[in-house]
Amino acid sequence: MLSKKLNTGIVAVLSMILAGAAFAEQWNVSLWGKPRAFTEHVEKLAELVAQKTNGEFTLNLSYGGLSKNKENLDGIAIGAFEMAQFCAGYHADM
């Protein structure tokens, strides 16, 4: 069961995505490794986005296909993909 805090976060992200849905039909999402507990919330978000938009907007999850795990922030900065998960430990200057 999703916590109230996680539910609130998902609703906030869905609102932002839906507001931008008129500009794009899909976002590429850079993840790494395999599906696991660390990626579960992104997988759920992708499911909810597709459901709430009747499939008109999707999150295309890519595990290592878009970027190396330490390069996700750089990939977003240059517009290589729209969304990514990153590990703060890789970016000590943040």
PDB file of N, CA and C in Angstrom:
ATOM      1  N   MET A   1       0.845  -1.183   0.000  1.00  0.00           N
ATOM      2  CA  MET A   1       0.000   0.000   0.000  1.00  0.00           C
ATOM      3  C   MET A   1       0.890   1.246   0.000  1.00  0.00           C
ATOM      4  N   LEU A   2       0.554   2.193  -0.822  1.00  0.00           N
ATOM      5  CA  LEU A   2       1.334   3.420  -0.910  1.00  0.00           C
ATOM      6  C   LEU A   2       1.070   4.324   0.280  1.00  0.00           C
ATOM      7  N   SER A   3       2.114   4.920   0.781  1.00  0.00           N
ATOM      8  CA  SER A   3       1.960   5.829   1.908  1.00  0.00           C
ATOM      9  C   SER A   3       1.268   7.110   1.451  1.00  0.00           C
ATOM     10  N   LYS A   4       0.729   7.858   2.412  1.00  0.00           N
ATOM     11  CA  LYS A   4       0.060   9.120   2.096  1.00  0.00           C
ATOM     12  C   LYS A   4       1.030  10.111   1.469  1.00  0.00           C
ATOM     13  N   LYS A   5       2.272  10.143   1.969  1.00  0.00           N
ATOM     14  CA  LYS A   5       3.292  11.050   1.441  1.00  0.00           C
ATOM     15  C   LYS A   5       3.628  10.699  -0.011  1.00  0.00           C
ATOM     16  N   LEU A   6       3.772   9.387  -0.315  1.00  0.00           N
ATOM     17  CA  LEU A   6       4.063   8.957  -1.675  1.00  0.00           C
ATOM     18  C   LEU A   6       2.886   9.259  -2.587  1.00  0.00           C
ATOM     19  N   ASN A   7       1.668   9.017  -2.101  1.00  0.00           N
ATOM     20  CA  ASN A   7       0.478   9.335  -2.895  1.00  0.00           C
ATOM     21  C   ASN A   7       0.432  10.814  -3.251  1.00  0.00           C
ATOM     22  N   THR A   8       0.739  11.674  -2.290  1.00  0.00           N
ATOM     23  CA  THR A   8       0.753  13.116  -2.532  1.00  0.00           C
ATOM     24  C   THR A   8       1.789  13.469  -3.593  1.00  0.00           C
ATOM     25  N   GLY A   9       2.957  12.850  -3.506  1.00  0.00           N
ATOM     26  CA  GLY A   9       4.012  13.085  -4.503  1.00  0.00           C
ATOM     27  C   GLY A   9       3.591  12.641  -5.883  1.00  0.00           C
ATOM     28  N   ILE A  10       2.950  11.479  -5.966  1.00  0.00           N
ATOM     29  CA  ILE A  10       2.496  10.963  -7.261  1.00  0.00           C
ATOM     30  C   ILE A  10       1.458  11.897  -7.864  1.00  0.00           C
ATOM     31  N   VAL A  11       0.538  12.376  -7.064  1.00  0.00           N
ATOM     32  CA  VAL A  11      -0.482  13.306  -7.565  1.00  0.00           C
ATOM     33  C   VAL A  11       0.173  14.584  -8.081  1.00  0.00           C
ATOM     34  N   ALA A  12       1.175  15.093  -7.360  1.00  0.00           N
ATOM     35  CA  ALA A  12       1.866  16.312  -7.796  1.00  0.00           C
ATOM     36  C   ALA A  12       2.571  16.093  -9.132  1.00  0.00           C
ATOM     37  N   VAL A  13       3.264  14.970  -9.269  1.00  0.00           N
ATOM     38  CA  VAL A  13       3.968  14.681 -10.521  1.00  0.00           C
ATOM     39  C   VAL A  13       2.976  14.468 -11.651  1.00  0.00           C
ATOM     40  N   LEU A  14       1.896  13.745 -11.380  1.00  0.00           N
ATOM     41  CA  LEU A  14       0.865  13.543 -12.409  1.00  0.00           C
ATOM     42  C   LEU A  14       0.308  14.879 -12.888  1.00  0.00           C
ATOM     43  N   SER A  15       0.082  15.796 -11.961  1.00  0.00           N
ATOM     44  CA  SER A  15      -0.439  17.120 -12.329  1.00  0.00           C
ATOM     45  C   SER A  15       0.524  17.849 -13.252  1.00  0.00           C
ATOM     46  N   MET A  16       1.822  17.793 -12.928  1.00  0.00           N
ATOM     47  CA  MET A  16       2.825  18.449 -13.780  1.00  0.00           C
ATOM     48  C   MET A  16       2.872  17.793 -15.159  1.00  0.00           C
ATOM     49  N   ILE A  17       2.821  16.473 -15.177  1.00  0.00           N
ATOM     50  CA  ILE A  17       2.884  15.756 -16.452  1.00  0.00           C
ATOM     51  C   ILE A  17       1.648  16.047 -17.288  1.00  0.00           C
ATOM     52  N   LEU A  18       0.492  16.004 -16.655  1.00  0.00           N
ATOM     53  CA  LEU A  18      -0.740  16.259 -17.397  1.00  0.00           C
ATOM     54  C   LEU A  18      -0.784  17.680 -17.937  1.00  0.00           C
ATOM     55  N   ALA A  19      -0.224  18.624 -17.205  1.00  0.00           N
ATOM     56  CA  ALA A  19      -0.169  20.001 -17.686  1.00  0.00           C
ATOM     57  C   ALA A  19       0.701  20.095 -18.928  1.00  0.00           C
ATOM     58  N   GLY A  20       1.741  19.299 -19.008  1.00  0.00           N
ATOM     59  CA  GLY A  20       2.640  19.306 -20.161  1.00  0.00           C
ATOM     60  C   GLY A  20       2.257  18.318 -21.232  1.00  0.00           C
ATOM     61  N   ALA A  21       1.225  17.504 -20.980  1.00  0.00           N
ATOM     62  CA  ALA A  21       0.850  16.447 -21.924  1.00  0.00           C
ATOM     63  C   ALA A  21       0.435  16.997 -23.278  1.00  0.00           C
ATOM     64  N   ALA A  22      -0.026  18.230 -23.333  1.00  0.00           N
ATOM     65  CA  ALA A  22      -0.418  18.812 -24.611  1.00  0.00           C
ATOM     66  C   ALA A  22       0.797  19.039 -25.507  1.00  0.00           C
ATOM     67  N   PHE A  23       1.985  19.064 -24.924  1.00  0.00           N
ATOM     68  CA  PHE A  23       3.198  19.340 -25.673  1.00  0.00           C
ATOM     69  C   PHE A  23       3.939  18.077 -26.084  1.00  0.00           C
ATOM     70  N   ALA A  24       3.651  16.970 -25.449  1.00  0.00           N
ATOM     71  CA  ALA A  24       4.351  15.722 -25.754  1.00  0.00           C
ATOM     72  C   ALA A  24       3.426  14.545 -25.494  1.00  0.00           C
ATOM     73  N   GLU A  25       3.618  13.481 -26.250  1.00  0.00           N
ATOM     74  CA  GLU A  25       2.827  12.277 -26.046  1.00  0.00           C
ATOM     75  C   GLU A  25       3.542  11.262 -25.184  1.00  0.00           C
ATOM     76  N   GLN A  26       4.851  11.441 -25.052  1.00  0.00           N
ATOM     77  CA  GLN A  26       5.611  10.513 -24.224  1.00  0.00           C
ATOM     78  C   GLN A  26       6.874  11.164 -23.685  1.00  0.00           C
ATOM     79  N   TRP A  27       7.316  10.654 -22.571  1.00  0.00           N
ATOM     80  CA  TRP A  27       8.593  11.067 -22.007  1.00  0.00           C
ATOM     81  C   TRP A  27       9.465   9.830 -21.913  1.00  0.00           C
ATOM     82  N   ASN A  28      10.721   9.969 -22.266  1.00  0.00           N
ATOM     83  CA  ASN A  28      11.689   8.905 -22.062  1.00  0.00           C
ATOM     84  C   ASN A  28      12.255   9.051 -20.666  1.00  0.00           C
ATOM     85  N   VAL A  29      12.315   7.938 -19.946  1.00  0.00           N
ATOM     86  CA  VAL A  29      12.758   7.930 -18.558  1.00  0.00           C
ATOM     87  C   VAL A  29      13.975   7.017 -18.429  1.00  0.00           C
ATOM     88  N   SER A  30      15.077   7.579 -17.973  1.00  0.00           N
ATOM     89  CA  SER A  30      16.316   6.821 -17.829  1.00  0.00           C
ATOM     90  C   SER A  30      16.457   6.255 -16.417  1.00  0.00           C
ATOM     91  N   LEU A  31      16.527   4.930 -16.349  1.00  0.00           N
ATOM     92  CA  LEU A  31      16.767   4.203 -15.113  1.00  0.00           C
ATOM     93  C   LEU A  31      17.981   3.319 -15.347  1.00  0.00           C
ATOM     94  N   TRP A  32      18.434   2.591 -14.356  1.00  0.00           N
ATOM     95  CA  TRP A  32      19.551   1.667 -14.581  1.00  0.00           C
ATOM     96  C   TRP A  32      19.321   0.418 -13.742  1.00  0.00           C
ATOM     97  N   GLY A  33      20.079  -0.593 -14.043  1.00  0.00           N
ATOM     98  CA  GLY A  33      19.918  -1.863 -13.348  1.00  0.00           C
ATOM     99  C   GLY A  33      18.700  -2.588 -13.860  1.00  0.00           C
ATOM    100  N   LYS A  34      18.041  -3.296 -12.968  1.00  0.00           N
ATOM    101  CA  LYS A  34      16.821  -4.020 -13.289  1.00  0.00           C
ATOM    102  C   LYS A  34      15.675  -3.445 -12.464  1.00  0.00           C
ATOM    103  N   PRO A  35      14.430  -3.741 -12.844  1.00  0.00           N
ATOM    104  CA  PRO A  35      13.315  -3.321 -11.983  1.00  0.00           C
ATOM    105  C   PRO A  35      13.529  -3.881 -10.575  1.00  0.00           C
ATOM    106  N   ARG A  36      13.366  -3.008  -9.557  1.00  0.00           N
ATOM    107  CA  ARG A  36      13.596  -3.390  -8.178  1.00  0.00           C
ATOM    108  C   ARG A  36      12.899  -2.378  -7.268  1.00  0.00           C
ATOM    109  N   ALA A  37      13.055  -2.511  -5.974  1.00  0.00           N
ATOM    110  CA  ALA A  37      12.392  -1.611  -5.023  1.00  0.00           C
ATOM    111  C   ALA A  37      12.725  -0.150  -5.311  1.00  0.00           C
ATOM    112  N   PHE A  38      13.961   0.133  -5.727  1.00  0.00           N
ATOM    113  CA  PHE A  38      14.401   1.504  -6.010  1.00  0.00           C
ATOM    114  C   PHE A  38      13.662   2.120  -7.199  1.00  0.00           C
ATOM    115  N   THR A  39      13.131   1.287  -8.084  1.00  0.00           N
ATOM    116  CA  THR A  39      12.439   1.798  -9.277  1.00  0.00           C
ATOM    117  C   THR A  39      10.928   1.597  -9.215  1.00  0.00           C
ATOM    118  N   GLU A  40      10.457   0.965  -8.161  1.00  0.00           N
ATOM    119  CA  GLU A  40       9.036   0.635  -8.059  1.00  0.00           C
ATOM    120  C   GLU A  40       8.127   1.853  -8.179  1.00  0.00           C
ATOM    121  N   HIS A  41       8.507   2.973  -7.565  1.00  0.00           N
ATOM    122  CA  HIS A  41       7.656   4.164  -7.616  1.00  0.00           C
ATOM    123  C   HIS A  41       7.584   4.742  -9.037  1.00  0.00           C
ATOM    124  N   VAL A  42       8.669   4.636  -9.806  1.00  0.00           N
ATOM    125  CA  VAL A  42       8.659   5.146 -11.175  1.00  0.00           C
ATOM    126  C   VAL A  42       7.787   4.245 -12.055  1.00  0.00           C
ATOM    127  N   GLU A  43       7.855   2.940 -11.818  1.00  0.00           N
ATOM    128  CA  GLU A  43       7.008   2.004 -12.559  1.00  0.00           C
ATOM    129  C   GLU A  43       5.533   2.271 -12.268  1.00  0.00           C
ATOM    130  N   LYS A  44       5.209   2.530 -10.999  1.00  0.00           N
ATOM    131  CA  LYS A  44       3.826   2.842 -10.617  1.00  0.00           C
ATOM    132  C   LYS A  44       3.387   4.162 -11.233  1.00  0.00           C
ATOM    133  N   LEU A  45       4.266   5.143 -11.240  1.00  0.00           N
ATOM    134  CA  LEU A  45       3.957   6.433 -11.851  1.00  0.00           C
ATOM    135  C   LEU A  45       3.652   6.257 -13.337  1.00  0.00           C
ATOM    136  N   ALA A  46       4.454   5.464 -14.035  1.00  0.00           N
ATOM    137  CA  ALA A  46       4.222   5.213 -15.464  1.00  0.00           C
ATOM    138  C   ALA A  46       2.855   4.566 -15.684  1.00  0.00           C
ATOM    139  N   GLU A  47       2.509   3.641 -14.822  1.00  0.00           N
ATOM    140  CA  GLU A  47       1.214   2.967 -14.904  1.00  0.00           C
ATOM    141  C   GLU A  47       0.070   3.960 -14.699  1.00  0.00           C
ATOM    142  N   LEU A  48       0.186   4.800 -13.681  1.00  0.00           N
ATOM    143  CA  LEU A  48      -0.870   5.773 -13.382  1.00  0.00           C
ATOM    144  C   LEU A  48      -1.000   6.839 -14.470  1.00  0.00           C
ATOM    145  N   VAL A  49       0.111   7.296 -15.004  1.00  0.00           N
ATOM    146  CA  VAL A  49       0.070   8.297 -16.075  1.00  0.00           C
ATOM    147  C   VAL A  49      -0.670   7.737 -17.285  1.00  0.00           C
ATOM    148  N   ALA A  50      -0.323   6.528 -17.689  1.00  0.00           N
ATOM    149  CA  ALA A  50      -1.001   5.909 -18.839  1.00  0.00           C
ATOM    150  C   ALA A  50      -2.491   5.732 -18.561  1.00  0.00           C
ATOM    151  N   GLN A  51      -2.812   5.307 -17.341  1.00  0.00           N
ATOM    152  CA  GLN A  51      -4.211   5.092 -16.956  1.00  0.00           C
ATOM    153  C   GLN A  51      -4.994   6.405 -16.942  1.00  0.00           C
ATOM    154  N   LYS A  52      -4.444   7.425 -16.296  1.00  0.00           N
ATOM    155  CA  LYS A  52      -5.164   8.693 -16.137  1.00  0.00           C
ATOM    156  C   LYS A  52      -5.299   9.481 -17.440  1.00  0.00           C
ATOM    157  N   THR A  53      -4.442   9.205 -18.411  1.00  0.00           N
ATOM    158  CA  THR A  53      -4.520   9.915 -19.699  1.00  0.00           C
ATOM    159  C   THR A  53      -5.106   9.029 -20.800  1.00  0.00           C
ATOM    160  N   ASN A  54      -5.652   7.887 -20.396  1.00  0.00           N
ATOM    161  CA  ASN A  54      -6.201   6.920 -21.355  1.00  0.00           C
ATOM    162  C   ASN A  54      -5.176   6.551 -22.428  1.00  0.00           C
ATOM    163  N   GLY A  55      -3.918   6.445 -22.026  1.00  0.00           N
ATOM    164  CA  GLY A  55      -2.854   6.044 -22.939  1.00  0.00           C
ATOM    165  C   GLY A  55      -2.371   7.131 -23.877  1.00  0.00           C
ATOM    166  N   GLU A  56      -2.893   8.353 -23.727  1.00  0.00           N
ATOM    167  CA  GLU A  56      -2.478   9.450 -24.605  1.00  0.00           C
ATOM    168  C   GLU A  56      -1.116  10.009 -24.231  1.00  0.00           C
ATOM    169  N   PHE A  57      -0.670   9.736 -23.012  1.00  0.00           N
ATOM    170  CA  PHE A  57       0.650  10.165 -22.562  1.00  0.00           C
ATOM    171  C   PHE A  57       1.288   8.996 -21.839  1.00  0.00           C
ATOM    172  N   THR A  58       2.534   8.688 -22.171  1.00  0.00           N
ATOM    173  CA  THR A  58       3.202   7.549 -21.555  1.00  0.00           C
ATOM    174  C   THR A  58       4.610   7.915 -21.102  1.00  0.00           C
ATOM    175  N   LEU A  59       5.083   7.166 -20.142  1.00  0.00           N
ATOM    176  CA  LEU A  59       6.472   7.246 -19.700  1.00  0.00           C
ATOM    177  C   LEU A  59       7.156   5.980 -20.211  1.00  0.00           C
ATOM    178  N   ASN A  60       8.134   6.133 -21.083  1.00  0.00           N
ATOM    179  CA  ASN A  60       8.876   4.997 -21.619  1.00  0.00           C
ATOM    180  C   ASN A  60      10.077   4.736 -20.727  1.00  0.00           C
ATOM    181  N   LEU A  61       9.995   3.693 -19.917  1.00  0.00           N
ATOM    182  CA  LEU A  61      11.048   3.374 -18.967  1.00  0.00           C
ATOM    183  C   LEU A  61      12.170   2.621 -19.663  1.00  0.00           C
ATOM    184  N   SER A  62      13.389   3.094 -19.490  1.00  0.00           N
ATOM    185  CA  SER A  62      14.554   2.461 -20.088  1.00  0.00           C
ATOM    186  C   SER A  62      15.577   2.173 -18.991  1.00  0.00           C
ATOM    187  N   TYR A  63      15.917   0.907 -18.840  1.00  0.00           N
ATOM    188  CA  TYR A  63      16.900   0.491 -17.839  1.00  0.00           C
ATOM    189  C   TYR A  63      18.268   0.402 -18.480  1.00  0.00           C
ATOM    190  N   GLY A  64      19.010   1.504 -18.442  1.00  0.00           N
ATOM    191  CA  GLY A  64      20.373   1.533 -18.960  1.00  0.00           C
ATOM    192  C   GLY A  64      20.489   1.792 -20.451  1.00  0.00           C
ATOM    193  N   GLY A  65      19.401   1.937 -21.147  1.00  0.00           N
ATOM    194  CA  GLY A  65      19.442   2.139 -22.587  1.00  0.00           C
ATOM    195  C   GLY A  65      19.635   3.582 -23.018  1.00  0.00           C
ATOM    196  N   LEU A  66      19.379   4.529 -22.146  1.00  0.00           N
ATOM    197  CA  LEU A  66      19.479   5.937 -22.497  1.00  0.00           C
ATOM    198  C   LEU A  66      20.747   6.598 -21.972  1.00  0.00           C
ATOM    199  N   SER A  67      21.255   6.096 -20.862  1.00  0.00           N
ATOM    200  CA  SER A  67      22.398   6.741 -20.222  1.00  0.00           C
ATOM    201  C   SER A  67      23.043   5.791 -19.228  1.00  0.00           C
ATOM    202  N   LYS A  68      24.281   6.039 -18.910  1.00  0.00           N
ATOM    203  CA  LYS A  68      24.933   5.306 -17.822  1.00  0.00           C
ATOM    204  C   LYS A  68      24.398   5.852 -16.506  1.00  0.00           C
ATOM    205  N   ASN A  69      24.445   5.037 -15.455  1.00  0.00           N
ATOM    206  CA  ASN A  69      23.826   5.434 -14.187  1.00  0.00           C
ATOM    207  C   ASN A  69      24.370   6.724 -13.601  1.00  0.00           C
ATOM    208  N   LYS A  70      25.615   7.053 -13.824  1.00  0.00           N
ATOM    209  CA  LYS A  70      26.188   8.282 -13.274  1.00  0.00           C
ATOM    210  C   LYS A  70      26.006   9.486 -14.201  1.00  0.00           C
ATOM    211  N   GLU A  71      25.324   9.303 -15.327  1.00  0.00           N
ATOM    212  CA  GLU A  71      25.178  10.385 -16.307  1.00  0.00           C
ATOM    213  C   GLU A  71      23.735  10.838 -16.503  1.00  0.00           C
ATOM    214  N   ASN A  72      22.832  10.397 -15.639  1.00  0.00           N
ATOM    215  CA  ASN A  72      21.422  10.760 -15.814  1.00  0.00           C
ATOM    216  C   ASN A  72      21.158  12.254 -15.666  1.00  0.00           C
ATOM    217  N   LEU A  73      21.794  12.915 -14.719  1.00  0.00           N
ATOM    218  CA  LEU A  73      21.574  14.357 -14.579  1.00  0.00           C
ATOM    219  C   LEU A  73      22.107  15.110 -15.803  1.00  0.00           C
ATOM    220  N   ASP A  74      23.252  14.685 -16.313  1.00  0.00           N
ATOM    221  CA  ASP A  74      23.793  15.303 -17.529  1.00  0.00           C
ATOM    222  C   ASP A  74      22.858  15.089 -18.706  1.00  0.00           C
ATOM    223  N   GLY A  75      22.275  13.905 -18.796  1.00  0.00           N
ATOM    224  CA  GLY A  75      21.343  13.598 -19.887  1.00  0.00           C
ATOM    225  C   GLY A  75      20.116  14.495 -19.860  1.00  0.00           C
ATOM    226  N   ILE A  76      19.606  14.752 -18.671  1.00  0.00           N
ATOM    227  CA  ILE A  76      18.464  15.673 -18.551  1.00  0.00           C
ATOM    228  C   ILE A  76      18.896  17.080 -18.949  1.00  0.00           C
ATOM    229  N   ALA A  77      20.070  17.489 -18.491  1.00  0.00           N
ATOM    230  CA  ALA A  77      20.564  18.846 -18.760  1.00  0.00           C
ATOM    231  C   ALA A  77      20.701  19.125 -20.250  1.00  0.00           C
ATOM    232  N   ILE A  78      21.087  18.109 -21.027  1.00  0.00           N
ATOM    233  CA  ILE A  78      21.257  18.320 -22.473  1.00  0.00           C
ATOM    234  C   ILE A  78      20.018  17.941 -23.273  1.00  0.00           C
ATOM    235  N   GLY A  79      18.957  17.511 -22.581  1.00  0.00           N
ATOM    236  CA  GLY A  79      17.715  17.177 -23.271  1.00  0.00           C
ATOM    237  C   GLY A  79      17.714  15.818 -23.938  1.00  0.00           C
ATOM    238  N   ALA A  80      18.573  14.907 -23.513  1.00  0.00           N
ATOM    239  CA  ALA A  80      18.620  13.569 -24.105  1.00  0.00           C
ATOM    240  C   ALA A  80      17.374  12.755 -23.750  1.00  0.00           C
ATOM    241  N   PHE A  81      16.757  13.047 -22.615  1.00  0.00           N
ATOM    242  CA  PHE A  81      15.523  12.419 -22.171  1.00  0.00           C
ATOM    243  C   PHE A  81      14.854  13.367 -21.191  1.00  0.00           C
ATOM    244  N   GLU A  82      13.599  13.108 -20.888  1.00  0.00           N
ATOM    245  CA  GLU A  82      12.803  14.045 -20.095  1.00  0.00           C
ATOM    246  C   GLU A  82      12.820  13.789 -18.592  1.00  0.00           C
ATOM    247  N   MET A  83      13.136  12.561 -18.192  1.00  0.00           N
ATOM    248  CA  MET A  83      13.042  12.222 -16.777  1.00  0.00           C
ATOM    249  C   MET A  83      14.066  11.144 -16.481  1.00  0.00           C
ATOM    250  N   ALA A  84      14.594  11.140 -15.259  1.00  0.00           N
ATOM    251  CA  ALA A  84      15.571  10.124 -14.876  1.00  0.00           C
ATOM    252  C   ALA A  84      15.571   9.932 -13.373  1.00  0.00           C
ATOM    253  N   GLN A  85      16.034   8.780 -12.983  1.00  0.00           N
ATOM    254  CA  GLN A  85      16.263   8.508 -11.577  1.00  0.00           C
ATOM    255  C   GLN A  85      17.767   8.527 -11.382  1.00  0.00           C
ATOM    256  N   PHE A  86      18.208   9.117 -10.299  1.00  0.00           N
ATOM    257  CA  PHE A  86      19.649   9.173 -10.061  1.00  0.00           C
ATOM    258  C   PHE A  86      19.922   8.920  -8.580  1.00  0.00           C
ATOM    259  N   CYS A  87      21.153   8.598  -8.305  1.00  0.00           N
ATOM    260  CA  CYS A  87      21.602   8.377  -6.936  1.00  0.00           C
ATOM    261  C   CYS A  87      22.381   9.605  -6.493  1.00  0.00           C
ATOM    262  N   ALA A  88      21.917  10.271  -5.451  1.00  0.00           N
ATOM    263  CA  ALA A  88      22.556  11.495  -4.973  1.00  0.00           C
ATOM    264  C   ALA A  88      24.015  11.258  -4.594  1.00  0.00           C
ATOM    265  N   GLY A  89      24.365  10.061  -4.199  1.00  0.00           N
ATOM    266  CA  GLY A  89      25.739   9.753  -3.829  1.00  0.00           C
ATOM    267  C   GLY A  89      26.716   9.905  -4.971  1.00  0.00           C
ATOM    268  N   TYR A  90      26.234   9.813  -6.216  1.00  0.00           N
ATOM    269  CA  TYR A  90      27.076   9.986  -7.386  1.00  0.00           C
ATOM    270  C   TYR A  90      27.366  11.464  -7.663  1.00  0.00           C
ATOM    271  N   HIS A  91      26.631  12.344  -7.003  1.00  0.00           N
ATOM    272  CA  HIS A  91      26.707  13.774  -7.289  1.00  0.00           C
ATOM    273  C   HIS A  91      26.931  14.545  -5.983  1.00  0.00           C
ATOM    274  N   ALA A  92      28.100  14.406  -5.449  1.00  0.00           N
ATOM    275  CA  ALA A  92      28.410  14.999  -4.137  1.00  0.00           C
ATOM    276  C   ALA A  92      28.287  16.523  -4.135  1.00  0.00           C
ATOM    277  N   ASP A  93      28.441  17.154  -5.282  1.00  0.00           N
ATOM    278  CA  ASP A  93      28.376  18.609  -5.348  1.00  0.00           C
ATOM    279  C   ASP A  93      26.949  19.151  -5.359  1.00  0.00           C
ATOM    280  N   MET A  94      25.967  18.316  -5.299  1.00  0.00           N
ATOM    281  CA  MET A  94      24.575  18.758  -5.348  1.00  0.00           C
ATOM    282  C   MET A  94      24.060  19.108  -3.985  1.00  0.00           C
TER     283      MET A  94
END
